[in-house]
Amino acid sequence: MRRFLTMIVSCCTLLLAFGLTMAVAELRREVAAGNLVIVNAWMPQPLKGAKSGVIYLKIENRGTEADQLVGAESPAARQLTLHESKESGSVMKMMSVKAVDIPAHGDIELRPLGMHLMAMGLEISLRPAESFLLILKFKRAGTVSVDVVVQAPNALKPTR
């Protein structure tokens, strides 16, 4: 009987561990492209009637050579540009950026109040939990397609 109980506890522990692993994997959406890994691409839902929005994501470089994010496109928007928000005095300014360096064995994060992709001329209405295609262009890794998941309008980080 004791052996039977030990086996049941072991099976339950394995199932619980598997379930937690799957839950964590669901929270971390990633796409690999050579040595680059694009993690959790997301967009806060644009306000009703807005024709622009911002896209955030993380790019990890697991290789020995640096790369650069040099552009992006999406069928959901007429134009995508790289921008960086910086505080100047007491005013936040958004400046256009030609490329984003991704260091070897390093990462960069496009995040609120920092580096981001600006999606202008949105062609579709976007609701939370929906997704759309984003094509990232890298100097070394080439083009990479990822899904951008729309979050609540006031989101400061991805929830799924």
N, C-alpha and C. Protein backbone atom coordinates (compact mmCIF):
# COMPACT_ATOMS: atom_id res chain seq x y z
N MET A 1 0.81 -1.19 0.00
CA MET A 1 0.00 0.00 0.00
C MET A 1 0.87 1.27 0.00
N ARG A 2 1.92 1.25 0.79
CA ARG A 2 2.81 2.40 0.87
C ARG A 2 3.44 2.68 -0.49
N ARG A 3 3.82 1.63 -1.19
CA ARG A 3 4.42 1.79 -2.52
C ARG A 3 3.43 2.39 -3.50
N PHE A 4 2.17 1.97 -3.39
CA PHE A 4 1.11 2.48 -4.25
C PHE A 4 0.91 3.99 -4.00
N LEU A 5 0.86 4.42 -2.75
CA LEU A 5 0.71 5.83 -2.42
C LEU A 5 1.90 6.66 -2.91
N THR A 6 3.11 6.11 -2.77
CA THR A 6 4.30 6.79 -3.25
C THR A 6 4.21 6.99 -4.76
N MET A 7 3.72 5.98 -5.47
CA MET A 7 3.58 6.06 -6.93
C MET A 7 2.54 7.12 -7.30
N ILE A 8 1.44 7.19 -6.59
CA ILE A 8 0.41 8.19 -6.88
C ILE A 8 0.93 9.59 -6.63
N VAL A 9 1.62 9.79 -5.50
CA VAL A 9 2.20 11.10 -5.20
C VAL A 9 3.21 11.50 -6.27
N SER A 10 4.03 10.57 -6.71
CA SER A 10 5.02 10.85 -7.76
C SER A 10 4.33 11.23 -9.06
N CYS A 11 3.30 10.52 -9.44
CA CYS A 11 2.57 10.84 -10.68
C CYS A 11 1.93 12.22 -10.59
N CYS A 12 1.32 12.52 -9.44
CA CYS A 12 0.69 13.83 -9.26
C CYS A 12 1.74 14.95 -9.33
N THR A 13 2.88 14.72 -8.75
CA THR A 13 3.96 15.71 -8.78
C THR A 13 4.43 15.94 -10.21
N LEU A 14 4.58 14.88 -10.98
CA LEU A 14 4.99 15.01 -12.38
C LEU A 14 3.95 15.77 -13.19
N LEU A 15 2.68 15.45 -12.98
CA LEU A 15 1.61 16.14 -13.71
C LEU A 15 1.57 17.62 -13.34
N LEU A 16 1.74 17.93 -12.07
CA LEU A 16 1.78 19.32 -11.64
C LEU A 16 2.96 20.07 -12.26
N ALA A 17 4.13 19.45 -12.26
CA ALA A 17 5.32 20.06 -12.86
C ALA A 17 5.11 20.28 -14.35
N PHE A 18 4.52 19.32 -15.03
CA PHE A 18 4.25 19.45 -16.46
C PHE A 18 3.28 20.60 -16.71
N GLY A 19 2.22 20.68 -15.89
CA GLY A 19 1.24 21.75 -16.03
C GLY A 19 1.85 23.11 -15.83
N LEU A 20 2.71 23.26 -14.83
CA LEU A 20 3.38 24.54 -14.59
C LEU A 20 4.31 24.91 -15.73
N THR A 21 5.01 23.91 -16.25
CA THR A 21 5.90 24.15 -17.39
C THR A 21 5.10 24.64 -18.60
N MET A 22 3.97 24.03 -18.85
CA MET A 22 3.14 24.44 -19.98
C MET A 22 2.59 25.85 -19.75
N ALA A 23 2.22 26.18 -18.52
CA ALA A 23 1.70 27.52 -18.22
C ALA A 23 2.78 28.57 -18.46
N VAL A 24 4.00 28.31 -18.03
CA VAL A 24 5.11 29.25 -18.25
C VAL A 24 5.41 29.36 -19.74
N ALA A 25 5.39 28.25 -20.46
CA ALA A 25 5.64 28.29 -21.91
C ALA A 25 4.57 29.12 -22.61
N GLU A 26 3.32 29.05 -22.13
CA GLU A 26 2.25 29.84 -22.72
C GLU A 26 2.49 31.33 -22.52
N LEU A 27 3.05 31.71 -21.38
CA LEU A 27 3.32 33.11 -21.10
C LEU A 27 4.49 33.64 -21.91
N ARG A 28 5.40 32.79 -22.30
CA ARG A 28 6.57 33.22 -23.07
C ARG A 28 6.41 32.72 -24.50
N ARG A 29 5.91 33.60 -25.35
CA ARG A 29 5.79 33.27 -26.77
C ARG A 29 7.08 33.68 -27.44
N GLU A 30 7.69 32.77 -28.17
CA GLU A 30 8.96 33.12 -28.81
C GLU A 30 9.08 32.50 -30.19
N VAL A 31 9.87 33.19 -31.01
CA VAL A 31 10.18 32.72 -32.36
C VAL A 31 11.68 32.84 -32.53
N ALA A 32 12.32 31.75 -32.96
CA ALA A 32 13.77 31.75 -33.17
C ALA A 32 14.08 32.01 -34.64
N ALA A 33 15.16 32.76 -34.86
CA ALA A 33 15.66 33.04 -36.20
C ALA A 33 17.17 33.02 -36.11
N GLY A 34 17.77 31.88 -36.41
CA GLY A 34 19.20 31.74 -36.25
C GLY A 34 19.54 31.89 -34.78
N ASN A 35 20.43 32.83 -34.46
CA ASN A 35 20.82 33.06 -33.07
C ASN A 35 19.92 34.05 -32.34
N LEU A 36 18.95 34.61 -33.06
CA LEU A 36 18.04 35.57 -32.43
C LEU A 36 16.77 34.87 -31.97
N VAL A 37 16.25 35.31 -30.83
CA VAL A 37 14.97 34.82 -30.33
C VAL A 37 14.11 36.06 -30.05
N ILE A 38 12.94 36.12 -30.70
CA ILE A 38 12.02 37.22 -30.49
C ILE A 38 10.98 36.73 -29.50
N VAL A 39 10.80 37.48 -28.41
CA VAL A 39 9.96 37.05 -27.30
C VAL A 39 8.81 38.02 -27.07
N ASN A 40 7.62 37.47 -26.92
CA ASN A 40 6.42 38.20 -26.48
C ASN A 40 6.18 39.51 -27.21
N ALA A 41 5.93 39.45 -28.51
CA ALA A 41 5.55 40.65 -29.24
C ALA A 41 4.12 41.01 -28.86
N TRP A 42 3.91 42.29 -28.47
CA TRP A 42 2.58 42.70 -28.02
C TRP A 42 2.31 44.16 -28.32
N MET A 43 1.03 44.51 -28.29
CA MET A 43 0.59 45.88 -28.54
C MET A 43 -0.57 46.20 -27.61
N PRO A 44 -0.51 47.32 -26.89
CA PRO A 44 -1.71 47.75 -26.18
C PRO A 44 -2.79 48.10 -27.21
N GLN A 45 -4.02 47.75 -26.95
CA GLN A 45 -5.09 48.06 -27.89
C GLN A 45 -5.14 49.57 -28.12
N PRO A 46 -5.08 50.00 -29.39
CA PRO A 46 -5.20 51.43 -29.67
C PRO A 46 -6.58 51.94 -29.23
N LEU A 47 -6.63 53.19 -28.82
CA LEU A 47 -7.91 53.77 -28.44
C LEU A 47 -8.86 53.78 -29.62
N LYS A 48 -10.15 53.75 -29.35
CA LYS A 48 -11.17 53.70 -30.40
C LYS A 48 -10.96 54.83 -31.41
N GLY A 49 -10.89 54.47 -32.66
CA GLY A 49 -10.72 55.44 -33.73
C GLY A 49 -9.27 55.79 -34.04
N ALA A 50 -8.34 55.37 -33.20
CA ALA A 50 -6.92 55.68 -33.43
C ALA A 50 -6.40 54.91 -34.64
N LYS A 51 -5.56 55.54 -35.40
CA LYS A 51 -4.96 54.91 -36.57
C LYS A 51 -3.49 54.59 -36.36
N SER A 52 -3.03 54.67 -35.10
CA SER A 52 -1.65 54.30 -34.81
C SER A 52 -1.60 53.58 -33.47
N GLY A 53 -0.51 52.86 -33.27
CA GLY A 53 -0.31 52.13 -32.03
C GLY A 53 1.17 51.80 -31.87
N VAL A 54 1.52 51.22 -30.73
CA VAL A 54 2.91 50.88 -30.47
C VAL A 54 3.06 49.38 -30.26
N ILE A 55 4.20 48.85 -30.71
CA ILE A 55 4.49 47.43 -30.58
C ILE A 55 5.75 47.28 -29.75
N TYR A 56 5.68 46.34 -28.82
CA TYR A 56 6.81 46.06 -27.94
C TYR A 56 7.19 44.59 -28.07
N LEU A 57 8.44 44.27 -27.78
CA LEU A 57 8.93 42.89 -27.81
C LEU A 57 10.34 42.86 -27.24
N LYS A 58 10.83 41.67 -27.04
CA LYS A 58 12.22 41.50 -26.59
C LYS A 58 12.95 40.68 -27.65
N ILE A 59 14.22 41.03 -27.90
CA ILE A 59 15.05 40.28 -28.84
C ILE A 59 16.30 39.83 -28.09
N GLU A 60 16.49 38.53 -28.06
CA GLU A 60 17.67 37.94 -27.41
C GLU A 60 18.63 37.48 -28.49
N ASN A 61 19.90 37.77 -28.33
CA ASN A 61 20.93 37.32 -29.27
C ASN A 61 21.79 36.28 -28.56
N ARG A 62 21.65 35.04 -28.94
CA ARG A 62 22.40 33.96 -28.31
C ARG A 62 23.69 33.63 -29.07
N GLY A 63 23.98 34.43 -30.07
CA GLY A 63 25.16 34.19 -30.90
C GLY A 63 26.36 35.01 -30.49
N THR A 64 27.44 34.80 -31.24
CA THR A 64 28.71 35.48 -30.96
C THR A 64 28.90 36.75 -31.78
N GLU A 65 27.94 37.07 -32.65
CA GLU A 65 28.03 38.29 -33.46
C GLU A 65 26.82 39.17 -33.23
N ALA A 66 27.04 40.47 -33.19
CA ALA A 66 25.95 41.43 -33.02
C ALA A 66 25.07 41.44 -34.26
N ASP A 67 23.86 41.91 -34.12
CA ASP A 67 22.93 42.07 -35.23
C ASP A 67 22.23 43.41 -35.04
N GLN A 68 21.39 43.77 -35.99
CA GLN A 68 20.64 45.01 -35.91
C GLN A 68 19.22 44.79 -36.41
N LEU A 69 18.26 45.36 -35.69
CA LEU A 69 16.89 45.45 -36.19
C LEU A 69 16.86 46.70 -37.05
N VAL A 70 16.60 46.53 -38.35
CA VAL A 70 16.68 47.66 -39.27
C VAL A 70 15.33 48.10 -39.82
N GLY A 71 14.27 47.35 -39.51
CA GLY A 71 12.96 47.75 -40.00
C GLY A 71 11.91 46.70 -39.69
N ALA A 72 10.67 47.03 -40.07
CA ALA A 72 9.56 46.12 -39.85
C ALA A 72 8.42 46.49 -40.79
N GLU A 73 7.53 45.54 -41.01
CA GLU A 73 6.33 45.79 -41.79
C GLU A 73 5.23 44.86 -41.31
N SER A 74 4.00 45.22 -41.65
CA SER A 74 2.86 44.41 -41.25
C SER A 74 1.69 44.71 -42.17
N PRO A 75 0.92 43.69 -42.51
CA PRO A 75 -0.29 43.96 -43.30
C PRO A 75 -1.33 44.74 -42.48
N ALA A 76 -1.14 44.84 -41.17
CA ALA A 76 -2.08 45.55 -40.31
C ALA A 76 -1.87 47.06 -40.31
N ALA A 77 -0.72 47.53 -40.82
CA ALA A 77 -0.42 48.97 -40.80
C ALA A 77 0.27 49.39 -42.09
N ARG A 78 0.03 50.64 -42.48
CA ARG A 78 0.68 51.15 -43.69
C ARG A 78 2.17 51.38 -43.49
N GLN A 79 2.57 51.74 -42.26
CA GLN A 79 3.98 52.04 -42.03
C GLN A 79 4.37 51.67 -40.60
N LEU A 80 5.56 51.10 -40.46
CA LEU A 80 6.13 50.79 -39.16
C LEU A 80 7.50 51.45 -39.07
N THR A 81 7.72 52.19 -37.99
CA THR A 81 9.01 52.85 -37.81
C THR A 81 9.52 52.61 -36.40
N LEU A 82 10.83 52.62 -36.27
CA LEU A 82 11.47 52.49 -34.96
C LEU A 82 11.55 53.85 -34.29
N HIS A 83 11.20 53.89 -33.02
CA HIS A 83 11.26 55.13 -32.25
C HIS A 83 11.83 54.87 -30.86
N GLU A 84 12.33 55.94 -30.26
CA GLU A 84 12.76 55.87 -28.88
C GLU A 84 12.18 57.06 -28.14
N SER A 85 11.56 56.78 -26.99
CA SER A 85 11.05 57.85 -26.14
C SER A 85 12.13 58.21 -25.14
N LYS A 86 12.41 59.51 -25.02
CA LYS A 86 13.40 59.99 -24.06
C LYS A 86 12.87 61.23 -23.39
N GLU A 87 13.21 61.37 -22.12
CA GLU A 87 12.82 62.56 -21.39
C GLU A 87 13.87 63.64 -21.61
N SER A 88 13.40 64.82 -21.95
CA SER A 88 14.28 65.96 -22.15
C SER A 88 13.73 67.08 -21.28
N GLY A 89 14.42 67.36 -20.17
CA GLY A 89 13.88 68.28 -19.18
C GLY A 89 12.73 67.57 -18.48
N SER A 90 11.54 68.10 -18.61
CA SER A 90 10.37 67.43 -18.03
C SER A 90 9.39 67.01 -19.13
N VAL A 91 9.89 66.93 -20.36
CA VAL A 91 9.04 66.59 -21.49
C VAL A 91 9.53 65.29 -22.14
N MET A 92 8.58 64.36 -22.39
CA MET A 92 8.93 63.14 -23.13
C MET A 92 8.91 63.45 -24.62
N LYS A 93 9.97 63.05 -25.29
CA LYS A 93 10.07 63.24 -26.74
C LYS A 93 10.25 61.89 -27.40
N MET A 94 9.66 61.76 -28.58
CA MET A 94 9.79 60.53 -29.34
C MET A 94 10.64 60.84 -30.58
N MET A 95 11.76 60.10 -30.70
CA MET A 95 12.68 60.34 -31.81
C MET A 95 12.77 59.10 -32.69
N SER A 96 12.83 59.34 -33.97
CA SER A 96 12.99 58.26 -34.94
C SER A 96 14.38 57.65 -34.82
N VAL A 97 14.47 56.33 -34.99
CA VAL A 97 15.74 55.61 -34.91
C VAL A 97 15.89 54.78 -36.19
N LYS A 98 17.06 54.81 -36.80
CA LYS A 98 17.27 54.05 -38.04
C LYS A 98 17.44 52.55 -37.80
N ALA A 99 18.08 52.16 -36.71
CA ALA A 99 18.32 50.75 -36.41
C ALA A 99 18.51 50.58 -34.91
N VAL A 100 18.31 49.36 -34.45
CA VAL A 100 18.51 49.03 -33.04
C VAL A 100 19.57 47.94 -32.96
N ASP A 101 20.65 48.21 -32.25
CA ASP A 101 21.73 47.23 -32.08
C ASP A 101 21.33 46.15 -31.10
N ILE A 102 21.65 44.90 -31.47
CA ILE A 102 21.42 43.75 -30.59
C ILE A 102 22.79 43.12 -30.35
N PRO A 103 23.37 43.33 -29.18
CA PRO A 103 24.74 42.85 -28.94
C PRO A 103 24.83 41.34 -28.88
N ALA A 104 26.00 40.81 -29.24
CA ALA A 104 26.25 39.37 -29.10
C ALA A 104 26.06 38.98 -27.64
N HIS A 105 25.46 37.83 -27.43
CA HIS A 105 25.20 37.31 -26.08
C HIS A 105 24.45 38.34 -25.22
N GLY A 106 23.60 39.14 -25.85
CA GLY A 106 22.85 40.16 -25.13
C GLY A 106 21.42 40.21 -25.61
N ASP A 107 20.71 41.21 -25.17
CA ASP A 107 19.33 41.39 -25.61
C ASP A 107 18.96 42.86 -25.58
N ILE A 108 17.86 43.16 -26.23
CA ILE A 108 17.28 44.50 -26.17
C ILE A 108 15.78 44.31 -25.97
N GLU A 109 15.18 45.28 -25.34
CA GLU A 109 13.74 45.19 -25.12
C GLU A 109 13.07 46.46 -25.59
N LEU A 110 12.11 46.30 -26.49
CA LEU A 110 11.27 47.40 -26.90
C LEU A 110 10.14 47.42 -25.88
N ARG A 111 10.03 48.53 -25.13
CA ARG A 111 9.11 48.57 -23.99
C ARG A 111 8.52 49.96 -23.83
N PRO A 112 7.43 50.07 -23.05
CA PRO A 112 6.85 51.39 -22.82
C PRO A 112 7.88 52.37 -22.26
N LEU A 113 7.79 53.60 -22.72
CA LEU A 113 8.69 54.70 -22.34
C LEU A 113 10.14 54.45 -22.75
N GLY A 114 10.34 53.64 -23.75
CA GLY A 114 11.67 53.36 -24.26
C GLY A 114 11.61 53.17 -25.77
N MET A 115 12.41 52.24 -26.25
CA MET A 115 12.43 51.89 -27.66
C MET A 115 11.11 51.18 -28.01
N HIS A 116 10.56 51.44 -29.20
CA HIS A 116 9.33 50.78 -29.63
C HIS A 116 9.17 50.87 -31.15
N LEU A 117 8.27 50.08 -31.66
CA LEU A 117 7.88 50.18 -33.06
C LEU A 117 6.57 50.95 -33.11
N MET A 118 6.51 51.96 -33.94
CA MET A 118 5.30 52.75 -34.11
C MET A 118 4.58 52.23 -35.35
N ALA A 119 3.35 51.78 -35.15
CA ALA A 119 2.52 51.29 -36.26
C ALA A 119 1.57 52.42 -36.65
N MET A 120 1.73 52.94 -37.87
CA MET A 120 0.91 54.06 -38.32
C MET A 120 0.04 53.63 -39.49
N GLY A 121 -1.14 54.21 -39.56
CA GLY A 121 -2.07 53.85 -40.61
C GLY A 121 -2.62 52.45 -40.40
N LEU A 122 -3.09 52.17 -39.18
CA LEU A 122 -3.63 50.83 -38.90
C LEU A 122 -4.78 50.53 -39.85
N GLU A 123 -4.73 49.37 -40.46
CA GLU A 123 -5.71 48.98 -41.46
C GLU A 123 -6.86 48.16 -40.89
N ILE A 124 -6.70 47.69 -39.65
CA ILE A 124 -7.71 46.82 -39.06
C ILE A 124 -8.04 47.31 -37.65
N SER A 125 -9.21 46.91 -37.17
CA SER A 125 -9.60 47.18 -35.79
C SER A 125 -9.02 46.06 -34.93
N LEU A 126 -8.40 46.41 -33.82
CA LEU A 126 -7.72 45.42 -32.99
C LEU A 126 -8.37 45.35 -31.61
N ARG A 127 -8.62 44.12 -31.15
CA ARG A 127 -9.22 43.90 -29.84
C ARG A 127 -8.29 43.04 -28.99
N PRO A 128 -8.35 43.19 -27.66
CA PRO A 128 -7.52 42.35 -26.80
C PRO A 128 -7.68 40.86 -27.10
N ALA A 129 -6.57 40.16 -27.04
CA ALA A 129 -6.44 38.71 -27.30
C ALA A 129 -6.35 38.38 -28.79
N GLU A 130 -6.62 39.35 -29.67
CA GLU A 130 -6.42 39.10 -31.10
C GLU A 130 -4.94 39.26 -31.41
N SER A 131 -4.54 38.76 -32.57
CA SER A 131 -3.14 38.92 -32.97
C SER A 131 -3.07 39.30 -34.44
N PHE A 132 -1.90 39.80 -34.83
CA PHE A 132 -1.66 40.14 -36.23
C PHE A 132 -0.19 39.89 -36.55
N LEU A 133 0.11 39.77 -37.83
CA LEU A 133 1.44 39.44 -38.31
C LEU A 133 2.36 40.66 -38.31
N LEU A 134 3.58 40.45 -37.84
CA LEU A 134 4.64 41.45 -37.86
C LEU A 134 5.86 40.81 -38.50
N ILE A 135 6.46 41.50 -39.45
CA ILE A 135 7.67 41.00 -40.10
C ILE A 135 8.82 41.92 -39.70
N LEU A 136 9.76 41.36 -38.96
CA LEU A 136 10.93 42.12 -38.52
C LEU A 136 12.07 41.92 -39.50
N LYS A 137 12.85 42.96 -39.75
CA LYS A 137 13.96 42.90 -40.68
C LYS A 137 15.27 43.14 -39.93
N PHE A 138 16.16 42.14 -40.01
CA PHE A 138 17.45 42.21 -39.33
C PHE A 138 18.57 42.27 -40.35
N LYS A 139 19.65 42.94 -40.00
CA LYS A 139 20.82 43.07 -40.89
C LYS A 139 21.43 41.70 -41.19
N ARG A 140 21.61 40.86 -40.18
CA ARG A 140 22.24 39.55 -40.37
C ARG A 140 21.22 38.41 -40.50
N ALA A 141 20.21 38.40 -39.63
CA ALA A 141 19.27 37.27 -39.57
C ALA A 141 18.21 37.31 -40.66
N GLY A 142 18.10 38.43 -41.38
CA GLY A 142 17.09 38.52 -42.44
C GLY A 142 15.72 38.86 -41.88
N THR A 143 14.66 38.36 -42.52
CA THR A 143 13.30 38.66 -42.08
C THR A 143 12.76 37.54 -41.19
N VAL A 144 11.99 37.96 -40.21
CA VAL A 144 11.41 37.02 -39.25
C VAL A 144 9.95 37.42 -39.03
N SER A 145 9.05 36.47 -39.13
CA SER A 145 7.63 36.72 -38.89
C SER A 145 7.25 36.32 -37.48
N VAL A 146 6.52 37.20 -36.81
CA VAL A 146 6.03 36.91 -35.46
C VAL A 146 4.59 37.38 -35.36
N ASP A 147 3.86 36.82 -34.41
CA ASP A 147 2.51 37.27 -34.12
C ASP A 147 2.56 38.27 -32.98
N VAL A 148 1.87 39.39 -33.16
CA VAL A 148 1.75 40.41 -32.12
C VAL A 148 0.39 40.20 -31.46
N VAL A 149 0.37 40.02 -30.15
CA VAL A 149 -0.87 39.83 -29.41
C VAL A 149 -1.32 41.17 -28.83
N VAL A 150 -2.56 41.51 -29.09
CA VAL A 150 -3.13 42.77 -28.59
C VAL A 150 -3.53 42.59 -27.12
N GLN A 151 -3.14 43.56 -26.31
CA GLN A 151 -3.45 43.56 -24.88
C GLN A 151 -4.47 44.67 -24.57
N ALA A 152 -4.87 44.76 -23.33
CA ALA A 152 -5.77 45.83 -22.91
C ALA A 152 -5.14 47.19 -23.21
N PRO A 153 -5.95 48.23 -23.44
CA PRO A 153 -5.40 49.53 -23.83
C PRO A 153 -4.39 50.12 -22.84
N ASN A 154 -4.53 49.82 -21.57
CA ASN A 154 -3.64 50.40 -20.57
C ASN A 154 -2.54 49.44 -20.12
N ALA A 155 -2.33 48.37 -20.87
CA ALA A 155 -1.33 47.36 -20.48
C ALA A 155 0.07 47.95 -20.49
N LEU A 156 0.86 47.55 -19.49
CA LEU A 156 2.26 47.95 -19.42
C LEU A 156 3.20 46.77 -19.67
N LYS A 157 2.62 45.57 -19.79
CA LYS A 157 3.38 44.36 -20.11
C LYS A 157 2.41 43.33 -20.68
N PRO A 158 2.94 42.34 -21.39
CA PRO A 158 2.05 41.33 -21.97
C PRO A 158 1.52 40.40 -20.88
N THR A 159 0.26 40.01 -21.03
CA THR A 159 -0.32 39.08 -20.07
C THR A 159 -0.49 37.70 -20.67
N ARG A 160 -0.36 37.55 -21.96
CA ARG A 160 -0.40 36.24 -22.61
C ARG A 160 0.29 36.30 -23.92
